[in-house]
Protein backbone atom coordinates (compact mmCIF):
# COMPACT_ATOMS: atom_id res chain seq x y z
CA MET A 1 -12.43 15.32 31.66
CA LYS A 2 -10.03 17.84 30.09
CA ASN A 3 -8.26 18.32 33.44
CA LEU A 4 -7.96 14.55 33.80
CA ILE A 5 -6.41 14.30 30.34
CA ARG A 6 -3.91 17.03 31.22
CA ILE A 7 -2.94 15.26 34.47
CA LEU A 8 -2.49 11.95 32.67
CA MET A 9 -0.36 13.59 30.00
CA ILE A 10 1.88 15.24 32.62
CA GLY A 11 2.27 11.88 34.35
CA VAL A 12 3.19 10.18 31.09
CA LEU A 13 5.76 12.85 30.29
CA ILE A 14 7.35 12.60 33.74
CA GLY A 15 7.42 8.81 33.61
CA ALA A 16 8.78 8.82 30.10
CA GLY A 17 11.53 11.21 31.10
CA GLU A 18 12.63 8.74 33.77
CA LEU A 19 12.52 5.76 31.44
CA ALA A 20 14.02 7.30 28.30
CA MET A 21 17.66 6.49 27.65
CA GLY A 22 18.67 8.71 24.77
CA GLN A 23 16.02 10.79 23.02
CA ASN A 24 17.27 10.32 19.49
CA ASN A 25 16.30 8.62 16.27
CA ARG A 26 18.72 5.75 16.90
CA SER A 27 17.43 4.64 20.27
CA LEU A 28 14.62 2.50 18.84
CA GLN A 29 14.75 -0.50 16.54
CA PHE A 30 13.25 -0.53 13.04
CA PHE A 31 12.09 3.07 13.44
CA ARG A 32 11.50 5.85 10.91
CA PRO A 33 13.69 8.81 11.91
CA VAL A 34 11.80 11.92 12.98
CA GLY A 35 12.74 15.06 11.06
CA GLN A 36 14.61 15.56 7.81
CA ASP A 37 16.40 12.25 8.36
CA GLY A 38 13.05 10.53 7.81
CA LEU A 39 12.40 12.01 4.36
CA ASN A 40 11.68 9.41 1.68
CA VAL A 41 11.49 6.59 4.22
CA PHE A 42 8.50 4.43 3.41
CA GLU A 43 8.21 1.07 5.18
CA THR A 44 10.62 0.90 8.13
CA PRO A 45 13.75 -0.91 6.86
CA LYS A 46 14.67 -4.42 7.97
CA VAL A 47 18.13 -3.33 9.09
CA ASP A 48 18.94 -4.42 12.63
CA THR A 49 21.37 -1.69 13.71
CA VAL A 50 20.16 -0.97 17.27
CA GLU A 51 21.05 -3.31 20.09
CA TYR A 52 18.25 -3.98 22.56
CA ASP A 53 19.27 -3.21 26.13
CA GLY A 54 15.93 -2.77 27.87
CA ILE A 55 12.70 -0.86 27.57
CA LYS A 56 12.94 2.63 26.09
CA VAL A 57 10.29 5.32 25.81
CA ARG A 58 10.66 8.05 23.23
CA VAL A 59 8.44 11.09 23.78
CA GLY A 60 8.03 13.26 20.69
CA GLY A 61 5.81 15.97 19.36
CA ASP A 62 4.70 17.80 16.24
CA PHE A 63 3.62 21.42 15.90
CA ALA A 64 2.44 23.28 12.81
CA MET A 65 1.11 26.75 12.07
CA GLN A 66 0.05 28.39 8.81
CA PHE A 67 -0.45 31.91 7.61
CA GLN A 68 -3.20 31.74 4.98
CA GLY A 69 -3.81 34.25 2.22
CA ILE A 70 -6.41 32.55 0.03
CA ASP A 71 -9.42 33.83 -1.88
CA HIS A 72 -12.26 31.79 -3.35
CA SER A 73 -15.21 32.10 -5.73
CA ASN A 74 -17.99 30.09 -7.35
CA THR A 75 -20.69 30.55 -9.99
CA ALA A 76 -23.40 31.33 -7.42
CA GLY A 77 -21.31 34.04 -5.78
CA ASN A 78 -22.51 32.98 -2.33
CA LEU A 79 -19.20 32.32 -0.54
CA ILE A 80 -18.01 34.12 2.58
CA ASP A 81 -15.24 36.71 2.41
CA LEU A 82 -11.82 35.44 3.38
CA GLY A 83 -9.02 37.50 4.86
CA SER A 84 -5.32 36.85 5.38
CA ASP A 85 -4.37 35.67 8.85
CA PHE A 86 -3.06 32.77 10.95
CA ASN A 87 -4.91 29.48 11.24
CA LEU A 88 -5.38 27.61 14.50
CA PRO A 89 -2.05 25.87 15.32
CA THR A 90 -2.11 22.09 15.45
CA ALA A 91 -0.15 19.75 17.73
CA ASN A 92 0.55 16.03 18.22
CA LEU A 93 1.97 14.04 21.13
CA ASN A 94 3.85 10.91 20.08
CA LEU A 95 4.90 7.97 22.23
CA ASP A 96 7.19 5.29 20.80
CA VAL A 97 8.17 2.47 23.12
CA GLN A 98 10.73 -0.30 22.63
CA LEU A 99 8.93 -3.02 24.57
CA TYR A 100 11.24 -5.94 23.80
CA ASP A 101 13.91 -6.95 21.35
CA GLY A 102 12.23 -6.44 17.97
CA VAL A 103 8.89 -5.32 19.47
CA ARG A 104 7.91 -1.66 19.31
CA MET A 105 4.72 0.31 20.04
CA HIS A 106 3.58 3.65 18.59
CA LEU A 107 0.79 5.92 19.90
CA ARG A 108 -0.18 9.33 18.51
CA THR A 109 -2.52 11.81 20.21
CA TYR A 110 -3.88 14.87 18.43
CA LEU A 111 -3.67 17.64 21.01
CA SER A 112 -5.27 20.20 18.68
CA SER A 113 -6.62 19.82 15.17
CA LYS A 114 -8.85 21.65 12.73
CA HIS A 115 -11.73 19.19 13.22
CA HIS A 116 -11.32 18.67 16.99
CA ASN A 117 -10.16 21.28 19.47
CA GLU A 118 -9.86 18.72 22.27
CA ALA A 119 -7.14 16.10 22.78
CA TRP A 120 -7.95 12.65 21.43
CA ILE A 121 -6.03 9.58 20.34
CA LYS A 122 -5.52 9.25 16.61
CA GLY A 123 -4.38 5.63 16.84
CA GLY A 124 -1.61 3.24 17.71
CA HIS A 125 -0.01 -0.01 16.70
CA MET A 126 2.55 -2.63 17.65
CA GLN A 127 5.27 -3.65 15.19
CA ILE A 128 7.02 -7.00 15.59
CA ASP A 129 10.31 -7.58 13.78
CA LYS A 130 11.58 -10.45 15.93
CA LEU A 131 9.86 -13.34 17.72
CA ASP A 132 12.44 -13.73 20.48
CA PHE A 133 9.71 -13.19 23.08
CA ILE A 134 8.52 -16.70 22.16
CA SER A 135 12.02 -18.15 22.36
CA GLU A 136 15.38 -16.73 21.38
CA GLY A 137 15.96 -17.05 17.64
CA PHE A 138 12.41 -18.30 16.95
CA LEU A 139 11.84 -18.24 13.16
CA GLU A 140 14.90 -16.00 12.89
CA GLY A 141 15.43 -16.89 9.23
CA LEU A 142 11.91 -15.75 8.33
CA MET A 143 11.80 -12.68 10.55
CA GLN A 144 14.91 -11.13 9.02
CA TYR A 145 12.62 -10.33 6.07
CA THR A 146 9.28 -9.97 7.89
CA SER A 147 7.48 -7.30 9.91
CA ILE A 148 4.11 -7.90 11.60
CA THR A 149 2.00 -4.86 12.47
CA VAL A 150 -1.25 -4.93 14.48
CA GLY A 151 -3.31 -2.10 15.91
CA LEU A 152 -5.91 0.57 15.26
CA ASP A 153 -4.04 3.06 13.12
CA GLU A 154 -3.27 4.00 9.52
CA PHE A 155 -2.65 0.97 7.34
CA ASN A 156 -0.23 0.60 4.44
CA TYR A 157 -2.28 1.21 1.30
CA GLY A 158 -0.37 3.23 -1.30
CA ASP A 159 2.78 5.28 -0.77
CA ALA A 160 1.25 8.76 -0.53
CA HIS A 161 0.42 8.35 3.18
CA PHE A 162 4.15 8.26 3.97
CA ARG A 163 4.56 11.78 2.50
CA ARG A 164 1.36 13.38 3.75
CA THR A 165 0.77 15.77 6.63
CA ASP A 166 -0.70 13.94 9.63
CA ASN A 167 -2.36 16.77 11.55
CA ALA A 168 0.71 18.59 12.91
CA ARG A 169 3.32 16.22 11.49
CA ALA A 170 4.02 18.27 8.39
CA ILE A 171 7.77 17.80 8.14
CA TYR A 172 7.66 15.03 5.49
CA ASN A 173 5.25 16.91 3.20
CA PRO A 174 6.99 19.40 0.86
CA PHE A 175 3.69 21.29 0.45
CA VAL A 176 0.93 22.38 2.82
CA GLY A 177 -2.02 20.35 1.50
CA ASN A 178 -2.39 16.60 1.07
CA TYR A 179 -3.63 15.02 -2.14
CA ILE A 180 -7.24 15.62 -3.25
CA MET A 181 -8.31 11.98 -2.82
CA ASP A 182 -6.38 11.47 0.42
CA ALA A 183 -6.00 7.70 0.92
CA PHE A 184 -5.73 7.57 4.70
CA SER A 185 -7.86 5.92 7.35
CA THR A 186 -7.44 4.61 10.90
CA GLU A 187 -9.04 1.21 11.28
CA ALA A 188 -8.49 -1.96 13.28
CA PHE A 189 -5.95 -3.82 11.15
CA GLY A 190 -3.24 -6.42 10.89
CA GLU A 191 -0.61 -6.65 8.17
CA ILE A 192 2.52 -8.57 7.20
CA THR A 193 5.36 -6.90 5.30
CA LEU A 194 8.16 -8.77 3.51
CA GLN A 195 11.33 -7.00 2.34
CA THR A 196 14.38 -8.54 0.71
CA ASN A 197 16.92 -7.33 -1.85
CA GLY A 198 14.73 -4.36 -2.82
CA LEU A 199 11.59 -6.47 -3.27
CA LEU A 200 8.55 -5.58 -1.19
CA ALA A 201 5.23 -7.28 -0.46
CA VAL A 202 2.45 -6.31 1.95
CA VAL A 203 -0.78 -8.11 2.75
CA GLY A 204 -3.31 -6.97 5.33
CA VAL A 205 -6.89 -6.83 6.54
CA THR A 206 -8.95 -4.20 8.39
CA ASN A 207 -12.49 -4.27 9.73
CA GLY A 208 -13.39 -1.46 7.30
CA LYS A 209 -14.69 0.83 10.07
CA LEU A 210 -13.39 4.22 11.17
CA ASN A 211 -15.64 4.50 14.24
CA GLN A 212 -15.42 1.30 16.22
CA ASN A 213 -18.56 -0.26 17.72
CA VAL A 214 -20.37 -3.59 17.85
CA SER A 215 -23.89 -2.27 17.23
CA LEU A 216 -25.84 -3.47 14.19
CA ASN A 217 -29.04 -2.26 12.60
CA ALA A 218 -31.29 -3.31 9.73
CA ASN A 219 -29.05 -1.54 7.21
CA SER A 220 -25.74 -2.96 8.45
CA ASP A 221 -23.73 -4.68 5.75
CA ASN A 222 -20.30 -4.71 7.36
CA GLN A 223 -17.47 -6.49 5.57
CA PRO A 224 -13.69 -6.56 6.18
CA SER A 225 -11.30 -4.74 3.89
CA PHE A 226 -8.42 -6.58 2.24
CA TYR A 227 -5.40 -4.74 0.92
CA GLY A 228 -1.89 -5.36 -0.31
CA LYS A 229 1.15 -3.93 -2.00
CA VAL A 230 3.97 -5.21 -4.19
CA GLY A 231 6.97 -3.22 -5.28
CA TYR A 232 10.65 -2.67 -5.83
CA ASP A 233 12.81 -0.15 -3.95
CA GLN A 234 16.54 -0.01 -4.49
CA GLN A 235 19.41 2.44 -4.22
CA LEU A 236 20.96 1.49 -7.55
CA ASN A 237 24.07 3.59 -7.03
CA GLU A 238 25.23 6.52 -4.90
CA ASP A 239 23.16 9.02 -6.89
CA PHE A 240 20.12 7.08 -8.11
CA ARG A 241 17.23 5.48 -6.22
CA LEU A 242 14.23 3.82 -7.87
CA ARG A 243 10.99 2.76 -6.20
CA LEU A 244 7.85 1.49 -7.92
CA THR A 245 4.86 0.04 -6.05
CA GLY A 246 1.32 -1.03 -6.79
CA SER A 247 -1.34 -1.25 -4.06
CA TRP A 248 -4.87 -2.58 -3.98
CA TYR A 249 -7.81 -2.27 -1.59
CA ILE A 250 -11.19 -4.02 -1.69
CA ASN A 251 -14.27 -3.96 0.55
CA ASN A 252 -17.56 -5.64 -0.46
CA GLY A 253 -19.78 -4.13 2.24
CA THR A 254 -22.19 -1.25 1.68
CA THR A 255 -21.70 0.16 5.21
CA THR A 256 -17.94 -0.32 5.52
CA GLY A 257 -15.01 0.72 3.34
CA THR A 258 -16.36 4.25 2.78
CA TYR A 259 -13.54 5.85 4.78
CA LEU A 260 -10.50 5.16 2.60
CA TYR A 261 -10.61 8.75 1.31
CA GLY A 262 -12.31 10.24 4.36
CA GLY A 263 -10.56 8.74 7.36
CA ASP A 264 -8.50 11.76 8.37
CA ARG A 265 -10.55 13.27 11.17
CA ALA A 266 -8.01 16.04 11.75
CA GLY A 267 -9.43 18.03 8.81
CA SER A 268 -8.04 19.45 5.59
CA ARG A 269 -5.19 21.97 5.44
CA TYR A 270 -6.99 24.92 3.81
CA TYR A 271 -9.33 26.71 6.22
CA ASN A 272 -12.88 27.97 5.47
CA ILE A 273 -12.53 27.60 1.72
CA MET A 274 -15.75 27.16 -0.33
CA LYS A 275 -17.88 28.08 2.69
CA THR A 276 -21.23 29.67 1.80
CA GLU A 277 -22.82 32.63 3.54
CA ALA A 278 -25.75 31.94 5.84
CA ILE A 279 -29.06 33.58 4.85
CA GLU A 280 -31.37 34.73 7.60
CA ALA A 281 -35.10 34.14 7.33
CA ASP A 282 -37.28 37.04 6.17
CA PRO A 283 -40.91 35.78 6.04
CA ASP A 284 -42.22 39.16 4.85
CA ASN A 285 -40.19 38.84 1.66
CA GLY A 286 -40.55 35.08 1.31
CA ILE A 287 -36.91 34.37 2.19
CA VAL A 288 -36.27 31.06 3.92
CA ALA A 289 -33.29 30.71 6.25
CA VAL A 290 -30.35 28.92 4.64
CA PRO A 291 -27.50 27.79 6.93
CA SER A 292 -23.88 28.14 5.91
CA GLN A 293 -22.55 25.14 3.99
CA ALA A 294 -19.03 23.98 4.79
CA THR A 295 -17.11 21.09 6.32
CA ASN A 296 -13.73 20.82 7.95
CA PHE A 297 -12.69 18.58 5.04
CA ASP A 298 -13.31 20.92 2.09
CA GLY A 299 -10.48 20.93 -0.42
CA ARG A 300 -10.38 17.13 -0.48
CA PHE A 301 -12.78 14.77 -2.23
CA ASN A 302 -14.29 11.55 -0.88
CA PRO A 303 -16.65 9.66 -3.24
CA ARG A 304 -17.88 7.65 -0.22
CA PHE A 305 -18.22 4.48 -2.26
CA GLY A 306 -19.41 1.28 -0.63
CA LYS A 307 -18.23 -1.98 -2.18
CA LEU A 308 -15.06 -0.10 -2.99
CA THR A 309 -12.19 -1.36 -5.12
CA ALA A 310 -9.13 0.87 -5.39
CA ILE A 311 -5.74 0.52 -7.06
CA GLN A 312 -2.84 2.95 -6.56
CA VAL A 313 0.46 2.94 -8.47
CA ASN A 314 3.35 5.04 -7.13
CA PRO A 315 6.64 5.72 -8.90
CA PHE A 316 9.41 7.39 -6.93
CA ILE A 317 12.73 8.44 -8.45
CA LYS A 318 15.57 10.32 -6.81
CA PHE A 319 18.65 11.30 -8.80
CA LYS A 320 21.01 13.41 -6.75
CA GLY A 321 18.87 16.40 -5.70
CA LEU A 322 16.09 15.78 -8.24
CA GLU A 323 13.06 13.97 -6.84
CA PHE A 324 9.86 12.73 -8.50
CA PHE A 325 6.82 11.14 -6.86
CA GLY A 326 3.63 10.18 -8.67
CA ILE A 327 0.16 8.72 -8.18
CA TYR A 328 -2.06 6.90 -10.63
CA GLU A 329 -5.17 5.70 -8.83
CA LEU A 330 -8.47 4.11 -9.82
CA ALA A 331 -11.39 3.89 -7.38
CA ASN A 332 -14.78 2.43 -8.22
CA GLY A 333 -17.75 1.36 -6.15
CA ASN A 334 -21.36 2.27 -5.52
CA ASN A 335 -23.63 4.57 -3.54
CA GLU A 336 -26.13 1.84 -2.67
CA PHE A 337 -26.19 2.73 1.02
CA THR A 338 -25.95 6.54 0.86
CA ALA A 339 -28.28 6.95 -2.15
CA PRO A 340 -30.20 3.73 -2.89
CA THR A 341 -31.23 3.80 -6.53
CA ALA A 342 -31.00 1.42 -9.44
CA ASP A 343 -28.08 3.47 -10.76
CA THR A 344 -25.41 3.31 -8.08
CA GLU A 345 -22.10 2.53 -9.77
CA GLY A 346 -19.40 5.18 -10.07
CA ALA A 347 -15.66 5.55 -10.63
CA PHE A 348 -12.90 8.13 -10.25
CA THR A 349 -9.34 8.44 -11.47
CA GLN A 350 -6.67 10.38 -9.58
CA ILE A 351 -3.40 11.46 -11.17
CA ALA A 352 -0.65 13.37 -9.38
CA ALA A 353 2.91 14.33 -10.26
CA GLU A 354 5.32 15.98 -7.84
CA LEU A 355 8.75 17.22 -8.90
CA LEU A 356 11.25 18.68 -6.41
CA TYR A 357 14.83 19.85 -6.50
CA ARG A 358 16.66 19.66 -3.18
CA PHE A 359 19.93 21.57 -2.83
CA GLY A 360 22.35 23.16 -0.41
CA ALA A 361 24.26 21.54 2.43
CA ASN A 362 22.47 18.30 3.34
CA GLU A 363 19.75 19.28 0.81
CA ARG A 364 18.24 21.62 3.36
CA TYR A 365 16.51 23.75 0.68
CA TYR A 366 14.05 22.71 -2.02
CA ILE A 367 11.84 24.12 -4.73
CA GLY A 368 9.17 22.27 -6.65
CA GLY A 369 5.67 21.81 -7.92
CA ARG A 370 2.79 19.37 -7.73
CA TYR A 371 -0.15 18.86 -10.08
CA ASN A 372 -3.10 16.76 -8.92
CA THR A 373 -6.37 15.94 -10.69
CA VAL A 374 -9.43 13.86 -9.83
CA ASN A 375 -11.95 13.03 -12.54
CA GLY A 376 -14.99 10.76 -12.66
CA LYS A 377 -18.66 10.16 -11.92
CA LEU A 378 -20.62 9.30 -8.81
CA ARG A 379 -23.01 7.38 -11.11
CA GLU A 380 -22.56 5.90 -14.57
CA SER A 381 -25.68 7.69 -15.83
CA ALA A 382 -24.27 11.14 -15.04
CA THR A 383 -23.96 13.18 -18.23
CA GLU A 384 -20.94 15.14 -16.98
CA ASP A 385 -17.82 14.18 -15.12
CA LEU A 386 -16.81 15.86 -11.90
CA ASN A 387 -13.33 17.30 -12.21
CA ILE A 388 -11.06 18.79 -9.56
CA SER A 389 -7.56 20.04 -10.34
CA ARG A 390 -4.94 21.54 -8.07
CA LEU A 391 -1.60 23.18 -8.74
CA ASN A 392 0.94 23.72 -5.96
CA VAL A 393 4.19 25.61 -6.48
CA GLY A 394 6.47 26.19 -3.54
CA ALA A 395 9.76 26.13 -1.71
CA GLY A 396 11.02 25.06 1.68
CA TRP A 397 13.92 25.36 4.10
CA PHE A 398 14.98 22.96 6.84
CA LEU A 399 16.29 25.38 9.43
CA THR A 400 17.46 22.35 11.41
CA ASN A 401 16.83 18.63 11.13
CA ASN A 402 13.58 19.13 13.07
CA ILE A 403 12.32 22.54 11.87
CA ILE A 404 10.91 23.37 8.44
CA THR A 405 9.31 26.43 6.91
CA LYS A 406 7.42 26.35 3.60
CA LEU A 407 5.93 28.80 1.16
CA GLU A 408 3.46 27.71 -1.50
CA TYR A 409 1.02 29.02 -4.06
CA VAL A 410 -2.10 26.89 -4.49
CA ASN A 411 -4.83 27.01 -7.13
CA GLN A 412 -7.68 24.49 -7.00
CA GLN A 413 -10.54 24.46 -9.50
CA TYR A 414 -13.85 22.57 -9.68
CA ASN A 415 -15.04 21.88 -13.22
CA GLY A 416 -17.86 19.90 -14.82
CA ASP A 417 -21.64 20.23 -14.67
CA GLY A 418 -22.16 17.54 -12.04
CA TRP A 419 -21.82 19.84 -9.03
CA VAL A 420 -25.50 19.87 -8.03
CA GLY A 421 -27.59 19.30 -4.92
CA ASN A 422 -25.49 19.33 -1.76
CA ASN A 423 -22.41 19.93 -3.91
CA ALA A 424 -23.82 22.94 -5.77
CA ARG A 425 -21.52 25.37 -3.96
CA PHE A 426 -18.56 23.84 -5.83
CA ALA A 427 -20.01 24.61 -9.30
CA GLY A 428 -17.52 26.85 -11.07
CA GLY A 429 -15.55 26.93 -7.83
CA GLU A 430 -11.97 27.99 -7.32
CA PHE A 431 -9.68 28.88 -4.45
CA LYS A 432 -6.20 30.26 -4.85
CA GLY A 433 -3.53 32.14 -2.95
CA PHE A 434 -0.44 31.75 -0.80
CA MET A 435 0.28 29.70 2.29
CA VAL A 436 3.21 29.92 4.69
CA GLU A 437 3.72 27.02 7.08
CA ALA A 438 6.19 26.43 9.89
CA ALA A 439 6.45 22.98 11.44
CA ILE A 440 8.48 21.26 14.13
CA SER A 441 8.83 17.51 14.70
CA PHE A 442 11.09 15.92 17.29
């Protein structure tokens, strides 16, 4: 199977090389530029600046590698020792195809990731900005403001997913890690986006499922997810840009909707943190074997709520080289499916503030910091909140438009008395240290 995948990939690359007519950011319509040019691009703009002159295939890739120097601790003192060394490099293969005038397809394959060492497709979608394939000029007046997106891929809830690291695509993220409650999932979806004079509106629906199948069982309570966004985004003058959006997401099923904060199957960015030591069995001394506890997603937090309702507000301000991005997010739901009890309701609040200063020719350098907290309860009856806080301080340098290197200090702490049961290893937990990351996107 792996050899077959390699052969198919080589064939795609050869075919794409023959079809491509200009491997650059301006060869495709309504397309987010790859590299530094794509910084602070959220929804693809409704500016028709590329003339369609036939099918085009753009083959791109992302590569990222980190040197990690992090230590960790907890109250139990049962975590493994961590050294300083390189993490497994990650890689993406990206295909973007101009299929027709105003019709574009995107497909991303994770070639290597923390959670999967084999190649597999992350997702793909088709974006329609014109309906000329029906008849030339069809609903032209409406489509100059409208984009229609359909596929199985990440959907447009919140603004943080535009700035996050997507496996190896780390060039848009000024830091190494993503946010603690990482709102990102790949689901079957359809959405409509309207943009005019700085005003923005999005409405969409997904099937609420990360892993697609048609099987049902006695516990299945699958419901679709509905989401939307409204906002304002305007370059008010040469130096000042203001963007403010509010997003919402709702799913009323107990077996769907649990992936909004756990849909990134690539894995988190900090490796082996908060991993416990395995204990071997010793019957003579009454010691029972205890396996190591860890996941590839440690460092993030997913409340795994069913019947989830979430709201995210995102301010973005850029004044000359000074840049601010923020998150205020509320998520509430229940654990009826994962832990059926009479007391199932819970809620969490996420707050994040990121301040950067970009400077130098073409703002190729930056320094900045990010503070991110998550606070709440898995159940209303819990006597103590769970609290996670993270501080990132770092700097970066765009060596070219497509190459970035970053240095950051990270300190994440787990507070509160609610870290019990399967989460006991996080009680009094902390990890901190330095990360160096180099990334390429083209």
